[in-house]
Amino acid sequence: GLVQPGGSLTLSCTASRNIFRINTMNWYRQAPGKERELVASVTNA
């Protein structure tokens, strides 16, 4: 959504099934004219 500078926002992402295997869930972002970049990651551990 739209937020003012200094504000906060929470994104969520839900998978359609349970995740049992070794995995990493990540957030990437891509601004116009720029390459996609990795923002944050979290492992199953």
All heavy atoms as atom14 arrays in JSON, in Angstrom:
{
  "sequence": "GLVQPGGSLTLSCTASRNIFRINTMNWYRQAPGKERELVASVTNA",
  "atom14_mask": [
    [1, 1, 1, 1, 0, 0, 0, 0, 0, 0, 0, 0, 0, 0],
    [1, 1, 1, 1, 1, 1, 1, 1, 0, 0, 0, 0, 0, 0],
    [1, 1, 1, 1, 1, 1, 1, 0, 0, 0, 0, 0, 0, 0],
    [1, 1, 1, 1, 1, 1, 1, 1, 1, 0, 0, 0, 0, 0],
    [1, 1, 1, 1, 1, 1, 1, 0, 0, 0, 0, 0, 0, 0],
    [1, 1, 1, 1, 0, 0, 0, 0, 0, 0, 0, 0, 0, 0],
    [1, 1, 1, 1, 0, 0, 0, 0, 0, 0, 0, 0, 0, 0],
    [1, 1, 1, 1, 1, 1, 0, 0, 0, 0, 0, 0, 0, 0],
    [1, 1, 1, 1, 1, 1, 1, 1, 0, 0, 0, 0, 0, 0],
    [1, 1, 1, 1, 1, 1, 1, 0, 0, 0, 0, 0, 0, 0],
    [1, 1, 1, 1, 1, 1, 1, 1, 0, 0, 0, 0, 0, 0],
    [1, 1, 1, 1, 1, 1, 0, 0, 0, 0, 0, 0, 0, 0],
    [1, 1, 1, 1, 1, 1, 0, 0, 0, 0, 0, 0, 0, 0],
    [1, 1, 1, 1, 1, 1, 1, 0, 0, 0, 0, 0, 0, 0],
    [1, 1, 1, 1, 1, 0, 0, 0, 0, 0, 0, 0, 0, 0],
    [1, 1, 1, 1, 1, 1, 0, 0, 0, 0, 0, 0, 0, 0],
    [1, 1, 1, 1, 1, 1, 1, 1, 1, 1, 1, 0, 0, 0],
    [1, 1, 1, 1, 1, 1, 1, 1, 0, 0, 0, 0, 0, 0],
    [1, 1, 1, 1, 1, 1, 1, 1, 0, 0, 0, 0, 0, 0],
    [1, 1, 1, 1, 1, 1, 1, 1, 1, 1, 1, 0, 0, 0],
    [1, 1, 1, 1, 1, 1, 1, 1, 1, 1, 1, 0, 0, 0],
    [1, 1, 1, 1, 1, 1, 1, 1, 0, 0, 0, 0, 0, 0],
    [1, 1, 1, 1, 1, 1, 1, 1, 0, 0, 0, 0, 0, 0],
    [1, 1, 1, 1, 1, 1, 1, 0, 0, 0, 0, 0, 0, 0],
    [1, 1, 1, 1, 1, 1, 1, 1, 0, 0, 0, 0, 0, 0],
    [1, 1, 1, 1, 1, 1, 1, 1, 0, 0, 0, 0, 0, 0],
    [1, 1, 1, 1, 1, 1, 1, 1, 1, 1, 1, 1, 1, 1],
    [1, 1, 1, 1, 1, 1, 1, 1, 1, 1, 1, 1, 0, 0],
    [1, 1, 1, 1, 1, 1, 1, 1, 1, 1, 1, 0, 0, 0],
    [1, 1, 1, 1, 1, 1, 1, 1, 1, 0, 0, 0, 0, 0],
    [1, 1, 1, 1, 1, 0, 0, 0, 0, 0, 0, 0, 0, 0],
    [1, 1, 1, 1, 1, 1, 1, 0, 0, 0, 0, 0, 0, 0],
    [1, 1, 1, 1, 0, 0, 0, 0, 0, 0, 0, 0, 0, 0],
    [1, 1, 1, 1, 1, 1, 1, 1, 1, 0, 0, 0, 0, 0],
    [1, 1, 1, 1, 1, 1, 1, 1, 1, 0, 0, 0, 0, 0],
    [1, 1, 1, 1, 1, 1, 1, 1, 1, 1, 1, 0, 0, 0],
    [1, 1, 1, 1, 1, 1, 1, 1, 1, 0, 0, 0, 0, 0],
    [1, 1, 1, 1, 1, 1, 1, 1, 0, 0, 0, 0, 0, 0],
    [1, 1, 1, 1, 1, 1, 1, 0, 0, 0, 0, 0, 0, 0],
    [1, 1, 1, 1, 1, 0, 0, 0, 0, 0, 0, 0, 0, 0],
    [1, 1, 1, 1, 1, 1, 0, 0, 0, 0, 0, 0, 0, 0],
    [1, 1, 1, 1, 1, 1, 1, 0, 0, 0, 0, 0, 0, 0],
    [1, 1, 1, 1, 1, 1, 1, 0, 0, 0, 0, 0, 0, 0],
    [1, 1, 1, 1, 1, 1, 1, 1, 0, 0, 0, 0, 0, 0],
    [1, 1, 1, 1, 1, 0, 0, 0, 0, 0, 0, 0, 0, 0]
  ],
  "atom14_positions": [
    [[0.8, -1.2, 0.0], [0.0, 0.0, 0.0], [0.84, 1.25, 0.0], [2.05, 1.21, -0.22], [0.0, 0.0, 0.0], [0.0, 0.0, 0.0], [0.0, 0.0, 0.0], [0.0, 0.0, 0.0], [0.0, 0.0, 0.0], [0.0, 0.0, 0.0], [0.0, 0.0, 0.0], [0.0, 0.0, 0.0], [0.0, 0.0, 0.0], [0.0, 0.0, 0.0]],
    [[0.18, 2.37, 0.26], [0.82, 3.68, 0.32], [1.06, 4.08, 1.76], [0.15, 3.99, 2.59], [-0.06, 4.72, -0.37], [0.39, 6.18, -0.31], [1.71, 6.35, -1.06], [-0.68, 7.08, -0.89], [0.0, 0.0, 0.0], [0.0, 0.0, 0.0], [0.0, 0.0, 0.0], [0.0, 0.0, 0.0], [0.0, 0.0, 0.0], [0.0, 0.0, 0.0]],
    [[2.27, 4.51, 2.05], [2.62, 4.93, 3.4], [3.53, 6.14, 3.33], [4.3, 6.3, 2.38], [3.29, 3.77, 4.18], [4.61, 3.38, 3.54], [3.47, 4.13, 5.65], [0.0, 0.0, 0.0], [0.0, 0.0, 0.0], [0.0, 0.0, 0.0], [0.0, 0.0, 0.0], [0.0, 0.0, 0.0], [0.0, 0.0, 0.0], [0.0, 0.0, 0.0]],
    [[3.44, 7.02, 4.32], [4.29, 8.2, 4.37], [5.69, 7.86, 4.86], [5.88, 6.88, 5.59], [3.67, 9.26, 5.28], [2.36, 9.82, 4.77], [1.88, 11.01, 5.57], [1.32, 11.95, 5.01], [2.11, 10.99, 6.87], [0.0, 0.0, 0.0], [0.0, 0.0, 0.0], [0.0, 0.0, 0.0], [0.0, 0.0, 0.0], [0.0, 0.0, 0.0]],
    [[6.69, 8.64, 4.46], [8.04, 8.42, 4.99], [8.04, 8.38, 6.51], [7.37, 9.18, 7.16], [8.82, 9.61, 4.46], [8.11, 9.99, 3.21], [6.65, 9.75, 3.5], [0.0, 0.0, 0.0], [0.0, 0.0, 0.0], [0.0, 0.0, 0.0], [0.0, 0.0, 0.0], [0.0, 0.0, 0.0], [0.0, 0.0, 0.0], [0.0, 0.0, 0.0]],
    [[8.78, 7.43, 7.05], [8.82, 7.23, 8.48], [7.76, 6.28, 9.0], [7.8, 5.88, 10.18], [0.0, 0.0, 0.0], [0.0, 0.0, 0.0], [0.0, 0.0, 0.0], [0.0, 0.0, 0.0], [0.0, 0.0, 0.0], [0.0, 0.0, 0.0], [0.0, 0.0, 0.0], [0.0, 0.0, 0.0], [0.0, 0.0, 0.0], [0.0, 0.0, 0.0]],
    [[6.83, 5.92, 8.16], [5.76, 5.02, 8.55], [6.16, 3.56, 8.52], [7.31, 3.22, 8.23], [0.0, 0.0, 0.0], [0.0, 0.0, 0.0], [0.0, 0.0, 0.0], [0.0, 0.0, 0.0], [0.0, 0.0, 0.0], [0.0, 0.0, 0.0], [0.0, 0.0, 0.0], [0.0, 0.0, 0.0], [0.0, 0.0, 0.0], [0.0, 0.0, 0.0]],
    [[5.2, 2.71, 8.82], [5.43, 1.28, 8.89], [4.39, 0.52, 8.08], [3.27, 1.0, 7.86], [5.37, 0.79, 10.34], [6.39, 1.38, 11.13], [0.0, 0.0, 0.0], [0.0, 0.0, 0.0], [0.0, 0.0, 0.0], [0.0, 0.0, 0.0], [0.0, 0.0, 0.0], [0.0, 0.0, 0.0], [0.0, 0.0, 0.0], [0.0, 0.0, 0.0]],
    [[4.78, -0.66, 7.66], [3.9, -1.52, 6.89], [4.34, -2.96, 7.1], [5.54, -3.22, 7.23], [3.98, -1.15, 5.41], [2.82, -1.47, 4.47], [1.55, -0.76, 4.93], [3.18, -1.04, 3.06], [0.0, 0.0, 0.0], [0.0, 0.0, 0.0], [0.0, 0.0, 0.0], [0.0, 0.0, 0.0], [0.0, 0.0, 0.0], [0.0, 0.0, 0.0]],
    [[3.39, -3.88, 7.12], [3.71, -5.29, 7.25], [3.17, -6.06, 6.06], [1.98, -5.99, 5.74], [3.12, -5.88, 8.54], [3.67, -5.21, 9.67], [3.46, -7.37, 8.65], [0.0, 0.0, 0.0], [0.0, 0.0, 0.0], [0.0, 0.0, 0.0], [0.0, 0.0, 0.0], [0.0, 0.0, 0.0], [0.0, 0.0, 0.0], [0.0, 0.0, 0.0]],
    [[4.05, -6.79, 5.4], [3.67, -7.65, 4.29], [3.54, -9.08, 4.79], [4.23, -9.5, 5.72], [4.72, -7.61, 3.18], [5.12, -6.24, 2.65], [6.15, -6.41, 1.53], [3.91, -5.46, 2.18], [0.0, 0.0, 0.0], [0.0, 0.0, 0.0], [0.0, 0.0, 0.0], [0.0, 0.0, 0.0], [0.0, 0.0, 0.0], [0.0, 0.0, 0.0]],
    [[2.66, -9.84, 4.17], [2.53, -11.25, 4.49], [2.49, -12.07, 3.21], [2.09, -11.58, 2.16], [1.3, -11.53, 5.35], [0.11, -11.24, 4.63], [0.0, 0.0, 0.0], [0.0, 0.0, 0.0], [0.0, 0.0, 0.0], [0.0, 0.0, 0.0], [0.0, 0.0, 0.0], [0.0, 0.0, 0.0], [0.0, 0.0, 0.0], [0.0, 0.0, 0.0]],
    [[2.89, -13.31, 3.33], [2.91, -14.23, 2.2], [2.57, -15.61, 2.72], [3.26, -16.13, 3.6], [4.29, -14.22, 1.54], [4.54, -15.49, 0.28], [0.0, 0.0, 0.0], [0.0, 0.0, 0.0], [0.0, 0.0, 0.0], [0.0, 0.0, 0.0], [0.0, 0.0, 0.0], [0.0, 0.0, 0.0], [0.0, 0.0, 0.0], [0.0, 0.0, 0.0]],
    [[1.51, -16.2, 2.17], [1.04, -17.5, 2.64], [1.17, -18.55, 1.54], [0.72, -18.34, 0.42], [-0.42, -17.42, 3.1], [-0.53, -16.47, 4.18], [-0.91, -18.77, 3.59], [0.0, 0.0, 0.0], [0.0, 0.0, 0.0], [0.0, 0.0, 0.0], [0.0, 0.0, 0.0], [0.0, 0.0, 0.0], [0.0, 0.0, 0.0], [0.0, 0.0, 0.0]],
    [[1.78, -19.67, 1.88], [1.93, -20.78, 0.96], [0.69, -21.67, 0.97], [0.01, -21.8, 2.0], [3.16, -21.61, 1.32], [0.0, 0.0, 0.0], [0.0, 0.0, 0.0], [0.0, 0.0, 0.0], [0.0, 0.0, 0.0], [0.0, 0.0, 0.0], [0.0, 0.0, 0.0], [0.0, 0.0, 0.0], [0.0, 0.0, 0.0], [0.0, 0.0, 0.0]],
    [[0.4, -22.28, -0.16], [-0.81, -23.08, -0.32], [-0.75, -24.45, 0.33], [-1.75, -25.15, 0.4], [-1.13, -23.25, -1.81], [-0.09, -23.94, -2.48], [0.0, 0.0, 0.0], [0.0, 0.0, 0.0], [0.0, 0.0, 0.0], [0.0, 0.0, 0.0], [0.0, 0.0, 0.0], [0.0, 0.0, 0.0], [0.0, 0.0, 0.0], [0.0, 0.0, 0.0]],
    [[0.41, -24.83, 0.8], [0.56, -26.11, 1.45], [1.62, -26.02, 2.53], [2.41, -25.07, 2.56], [0.94, -27.2, 0.44], [2.16, -26.86, -0.41], [2.84, -28.1, -0.93], [3.55, -28.8, 0.12], [4.11, -30.0, 0.01], [4.02, -30.65, -1.14], [4.74, -30.54, 1.03], [0.0, 0.0, 0.0], [0.0, 0.0, 0.0], [0.0, 0.0, 0.0]],
    [[1.65, -27.02, 3.4], [2.66, -27.06, 4.44], [4.04, -27.25, 3.81], [4.2, -27.97, 2.83], [2.39, -28.19, 5.42], [1.16, -27.95, 6.26], [0.69, -26.83, 6.4], [0.64, -29.02, 6.84], [0.0, 0.0, 0.0], [0.0, 0.0, 0.0], [0.0, 0.0, 0.0], [0.0, 0.0, 0.0], [0.0, 0.0, 0.0], [0.0, 0.0, 0.0]],
    [[5.02, -26.62, 4.41], [6.39, -26.69, 3.92], [7.19, -27.56, 4.89], [7.44, -27.16, 6.03], [7.02, -25.29, 3.81], [6.12, -24.38, 2.97], [8.42, -25.39, 3.24], [5.88, -24.86, 1.57], [0.0, 0.0, 0.0], [0.0, 0.0, 0.0], [0.0, 0.0, 0.0], [0.0, 0.0, 0.0], [0.0, 0.0, 0.0], [0.0, 0.0, 0.0]],
    [[7.58, -28.73, 4.42], [8.3, -29.68, 5.27], [9.77, -29.8, 4.93], [10.58, -30.15, 5.79], [7.65, -31.07, 5.18], [6.23, -31.11, 5.61], [5.21, -31.35, 4.71], [5.9, -30.9, 6.94], [3.89, -31.4, 5.11], [4.58, -30.94, 7.37], [3.57, -31.19, 6.44], [0.0, 0.0, 0.0], [0.0, 0.0, 0.0], [0.0, 0.0, 0.0]],
    [[10.12, -29.54, 3.69], [11.49, -29.71, 3.25], [12.37, -28.54, 3.67], [11.88, -27.49, 4.07], [11.54, -29.88, 1.72], [10.85, -31.13, 1.21], [10.89, -31.19, -0.3], [10.27, -32.4, -0.81], [10.89, -33.53, -1.03], [12.21, -33.63, -0.8], [10.24, -34.58, -1.49], [0.0, 0.0, 0.0], [0.0, 0.0, 0.0], [0.0, 0.0, 0.0]],
    [[13.67, -28.77, 3.56], [14.63, -27.71, 3.83], [14.34, -26.54, 2.89], [14.18, -26.74, 1.68], [16.07, -28.21, 3.63], [16.39, -29.31, 4.64], [17.06, -27.06, 3.74], [17.71, -30.0, 4.38], [0.0, 0.0, 0.0], [0.0, 0.0, 0.0], [0.0, 0.0, 0.0], [0.0, 0.0, 0.0], [0.0, 0.0, 0.0], [0.0, 0.0, 0.0]],
    [[14.25, -25.36, 3.45], [13.83, -24.23, 2.63], [14.25, -22.91, 3.23], [14.56, -22.81, 4.41], [12.3, -24.24, 2.44], [11.57, -23.95, 3.72], [11.3, -22.79, 4.04], [11.24, -24.99, 4.48], [0.0, 0.0, 0.0], [0.0, 0.0, 0.0], [0.0, 0.0, 0.0], [0.0, 0.0, 0.0], [0.0, 0.0, 0.0], [0.0, 0.0, 0.0]],
    [[14.22, -21.91, 2.37], [14.39, -20.52, 2.77], [13.25, -19.71, 2.17], [12.93, -19.87, 0.98], [15.73, -19.96, 2.28], [16.8, -20.72, 2.85], [15.9, -18.51, 2.68], [0.0, 0.0, 0.0], [0.0, 0.0, 0.0], [0.0, 0.0, 0.0], [0.0, 0.0, 0.0], [0.0, 0.0, 0.0], [0.0, 0.0, 0.0], [0.0, 0.0, 0.0]],
    [[12.63, -18.87, 2.96], [11.63, -17.95, 2.45], [12.24, -16.55, 2.43], [12.91, -16.14, 3.38], [10.35, -17.98, 3.29], [9.67, -19.34, 3.24], [7.95, -19.33, 3.81], [7.13, -18.62, 2.37], [0.0, 0.0, 0.0], [0.0, 0.0, 0.0], [0.0, 0.0, 0.0], [0.0, 0.0, 0.0], [0.0, 0.0, 0.0], [0.0, 0.0, 0.0]],
    [[12.01, -15.88, 1.33], [12.7, -14.62, 1.07], [11.72, -13.53, 0.63], [10.66, -13.81, 0.08], [13.72, -14.8, -0.06], [14.62, -15.99, 0.15], [15.51, -15.95, 1.0], [14.4, -17.06, -0.61], [0.0, 0.0, 0.0], [0.0, 0.0, 0.0], [0.0, 0.0, 0.0], [0.0, 0.0, 0.0], [0.0, 0.0, 0.0], [0.0, 0.0, 0.0]],
    [[12.13, -12.3, 0.89], [11.47, -11.15, 0.3], [12.45, -10.45, -0.63], [13.56, -10.11, -0.22], [10.98, -10.17, 1.36], [9.78, -10.64, 2.11], [9.76, -11.21, 3.33], [8.42, -10.56, 1.67], [8.47, -11.5, 3.7], [7.63, -11.11, 2.7], [7.79, -10.07, 0.52], [6.24, -11.2, 2.6], [6.42, -10.16, 0.43], [5.66, -10.72, 1.46]],
    [[12.02, -10.28, -1.87], [12.75, -9.5, -2.85], [11.96, -8.24, -3.16], [10.76, -8.16, -2.89], [12.93, -10.28, -4.15], [13.93, -11.43, -4.1], [13.58, -12.66, -3.56], [15.21, -11.28, -4.63], [14.49, -13.71, -3.53], [16.11, -12.33, -4.61], [15.75, -13.54, -4.07], [16.65, -14.58, -4.06], [0.0, 0.0, 0.0], [0.0, 0.0, 0.0]],
    [[12.62, -7.27, -3.74], [11.91, -6.1, -4.23], [12.53, -5.62, -5.53], [13.71, -5.85, -5.8], [11.91, -4.96, -3.19], [13.26, -4.33, -2.93], [13.15, -3.3, -1.81], [14.42, -2.64, -1.54], [14.64, -1.82, -0.52], [13.65, -1.55, 0.34], [15.82, -1.26, -0.35], [0.0, 0.0, 0.0], [0.0, 0.0, 0.0], [0.0, 0.0, 0.0]],
    [[11.71, -4.96, -6.33], [12.16, -4.42, -7.59], [11.52, -3.07, -7.83], [10.3, -2.96, -7.91], [11.84, -5.37, -8.75], [12.45, -4.95, -10.07], [12.39, -6.05, -11.11], [11.53, -6.92, -11.05], [13.31, -6.0, -12.05], [0.0, 0.0, 0.0], [0.0, 0.0, 0.0], [0.0, 0.0, 0.0], [0.0, 0.0, 0.0], [0.0, 0.0, 0.0]],
    [[12.36, -2.06, -7.93], [11.9, -0.72, -8.25], [11.98, -0.52, -9.75], [12.76, -1.19, -10.44], [12.76, 0.32, -7.53], [0.0, 0.0, 0.0], [0.0, 0.0, 0.0], [0.0, 0.0, 0.0], [0.0, 0.0, 0.0], [0.0, 0.0, 0.0], [0.0, 0.0, 0.0], [0.0, 0.0, 0.0], [0.0, 0.0, 0.0], [0.0, 0.0, 0.0]],
    [[11.19, 0.41, -10.3], [11.21, 0.65, -11.75], [12.62, 0.96, -12.25], [13.32, 1.79, -11.67], [10.29, 1.86, -11.92], [9.34, 1.76, -10.77], [10.18, 1.25, -9.63], [0.0, 0.0, 0.0], [0.0, 0.0, 0.0], [0.0, 0.0, 0.0], [0.0, 0.0, 0.0], [0.0, 0.0, 0.0], [0.0, 0.0, 0.0], [0.0, 0.0, 0.0]],
    [[13.03, 0.27, -13.31], [14.33, 0.49, -13.9], [15.5, -0.11, -13.15], [16.65, 0.1, -13.55], [0.0, 0.0, 0.0], [0.0, 0.0, 0.0], [0.0, 0.0, 0.0], [0.0, 0.0, 0.0], [0.0, 0.0, 0.0], [0.0, 0.0, 0.0], [0.0, 0.0, 0.0], [0.0, 0.0, 0.0], [0.0, 0.0, 0.0], [0.0, 0.0, 0.0]],
    [[15.22, -0.84, -12.09], [16.29, -1.44, -11.29], [16.16, -2.96, -11.26], [15.09, -3.51, -11.51], [16.28, -0.88, -9.87], [16.55, 0.61, -9.79], [16.6, 1.09, -8.36], [16.91, 2.58, -8.28], [16.97, 3.05, -6.88], [0.0, 0.0, 0.0], [0.0, 0.0, 0.0], [0.0, 0.0, 0.0], [0.0, 0.0, 0.0], [0.0, 0.0, 0.0]],
    [[17.25, -3.61, -10.93], [17.25, -5.06, -10.8], [16.56, -5.48, -9.51], [16.55, -4.75, -8.52], [18.67, -5.6, -10.82], [19.38, -5.45, -12.16], [18.75, -6.28, -13.24], [18.41, -7.46, -12.97], [18.58, -5.77, -14.36], [0.0, 0.0, 0.0], [0.0, 0.0, 0.0], [0.0, 0.0, 0.0], [0.0, 0.0, 0.0], [0.0, 0.0, 0.0]],
    [[15.99, -6.67, -9.54], [15.4, -7.22, -8.34], [16.49, -7.51, -7.31], [17.54, -8.05, -7.65], [14.63, -8.5, -8.69], [13.97, -9.18, -7.51], [12.91, -10.16, -7.96], [13.39, -11.04, -9.01], [12.62, -11.86, -9.71], [11.32, -11.92, -9.46], [13.14, -12.62, -10.66], [0.0, 0.0, 0.0], [0.0, 0.0, 0.0], [0.0, 0.0, 0.0]],
    [[16.25, -7.15, -6.08], [17.24, -7.35, -5.03], [16.64, -8.13, -3.87], [15.45, -7.99, -3.56], [17.8, -6.02, -4.54], [16.78, -5.11, -3.86], [17.4, -3.88, -3.22], [18.6, -3.91, -2.88], [16.68, -2.88, -3.06], [0.0, 0.0, 0.0], [0.0, 0.0, 0.0], [0.0, 0.0, 0.0], [0.0, 0.0, 0.0], [0.0, 0.0, 0.0]],
    [[17.47, -8.91, -3.23], [17.06, -9.65, -2.05], [17.05, -8.71, -0.85], [18.06, -8.07, -0.55], [18.01, -10.82, -1.8], [17.74, -11.67, -0.55], [16.37, -12.33, -0.63], [18.83, -12.72, -0.39], [0.0, 0.0, 0.0], [0.0, 0.0, 0.0], [0.0, 0.0, 0.0], [0.0, 0.0, 0.0], [0.0, 0.0, 0.0], [0.0, 0.0, 0.0]],
    [[15.92, -8.66, -0.17], [15.75, -7.77, 0.97], [16.0, -8.49, 2.28], [16.71, -7.99, 3.16], [14.34, -7.15, 0.97], [14.12, -6.31, 2.22], [14.13, -6.32, -0.28], [0.0, 0.0, 0.0], [0.0, 0.0, 0.0], [0.0, 0.0, 0.0], [0.0, 0.0, 0.0], [0.0, 0.0, 0.0], [0.0, 0.0, 0.0], [0.0, 0.0, 0.0]],
    [[15.4, -9.66, 2.43], [15.5, -10.4, 3.68], [15.2, -11.87, 3.43], [14.48, -12.22, 2.49], [14.54, -9.84, 4.73], [0.0, 0.0, 0.0], [0.0, 0.0, 0.0], [0.0, 0.0, 0.0], [0.0, 0.0, 0.0], [0.0, 0.0, 0.0], [0.0, 0.0, 0.0], [0.0, 0.0, 0.0], [0.0, 0.0, 0.0], [0.0, 0.0, 0.0]],
    [[15.73, -12.73, 4.28], [15.48, -14.16, 4.16], [15.4, -14.79, 5.53], [15.97, -14.29, 6.5], [16.57, -14.84, 3.33], [17.83, -14.73, 3.95], [0.0, 0.0, 0.0], [0.0, 0.0, 0.0], [0.0, 0.0, 0.0], [0.0, 0.0, 0.0], [0.0, 0.0, 0.0], [0.0, 0.0, 0.0], [0.0, 0.0, 0.0], [0.0, 0.0, 0.0]],
    [[14.68, -15.9, 5.6], [14.59, -16.67, 6.82], [14.55, -18.15, 6.46], [13.8, -18.56, 5.57], [13.36, -16.27, 7.68], [12.06, -16.43, 6.91], [13.32, -17.05, 8.98], [0.0, 0.0, 0.0], [0.0, 0.0, 0.0], [0.0, 0.0, 0.0], [0.0, 0.0, 0.0], [0.0, 0.0, 0.0], [0.0, 0.0, 0.0], [0.0, 0.0, 0.0]],
    [[15.36, -18.96, 7.12], [15.42, -20.38, 6.86], [14.37, -21.13, 7.67], [13.73, -20.57, 8.57], [16.8, -20.96, 7.18], [16.98, -20.96, 8.61], [17.9, -20.14, 6.53], [0.0, 0.0, 0.0], [0.0, 0.0, 0.0], [0.0, 0.0, 0.0], [0.0, 0.0, 0.0], [0.0, 0.0, 0.0], [0.0, 0.0, 0.0], [0.0, 0.0, 0.0]],
    [[14.21, -22.42, 7.36], [13.29, -23.24, 8.13], [13.73, -23.36, 9.58], [12.91, -23.64, 10.46], [13.14, -24.63, 7.51], [14.47, -25.33, 7.32], [15.19, -25.09, 6.37], [14.8, -26.23, 8.26], [0.0, 0.0, 0.0], [0.0, 0.0, 0.0], [0.0, 0.0, 0.0], [0.0, 0.0, 0.0], [0.0, 0.0, 0.0], [0.0, 0.0, 0.0]],
    [[15.02, -23.16, 9.82], [15.56, -23.21, 11.17], [15.46, -21.88, 11.9], [15.79, -21.8, 13.08], [17.01, -23.67, 11.15], [0.0, 0.0, 0.0], [0.0, 0.0, 0.0], [0.0, 0.0, 0.0], [0.0, 0.0, 0.0], [0.0, 0.0, 0.0], [0.0, 0.0, 0.0], [0.0, 0.0, 0.0], [0.0, 0.0, 0.0], [0.0, 0.0, 0.0]]
  ]
}
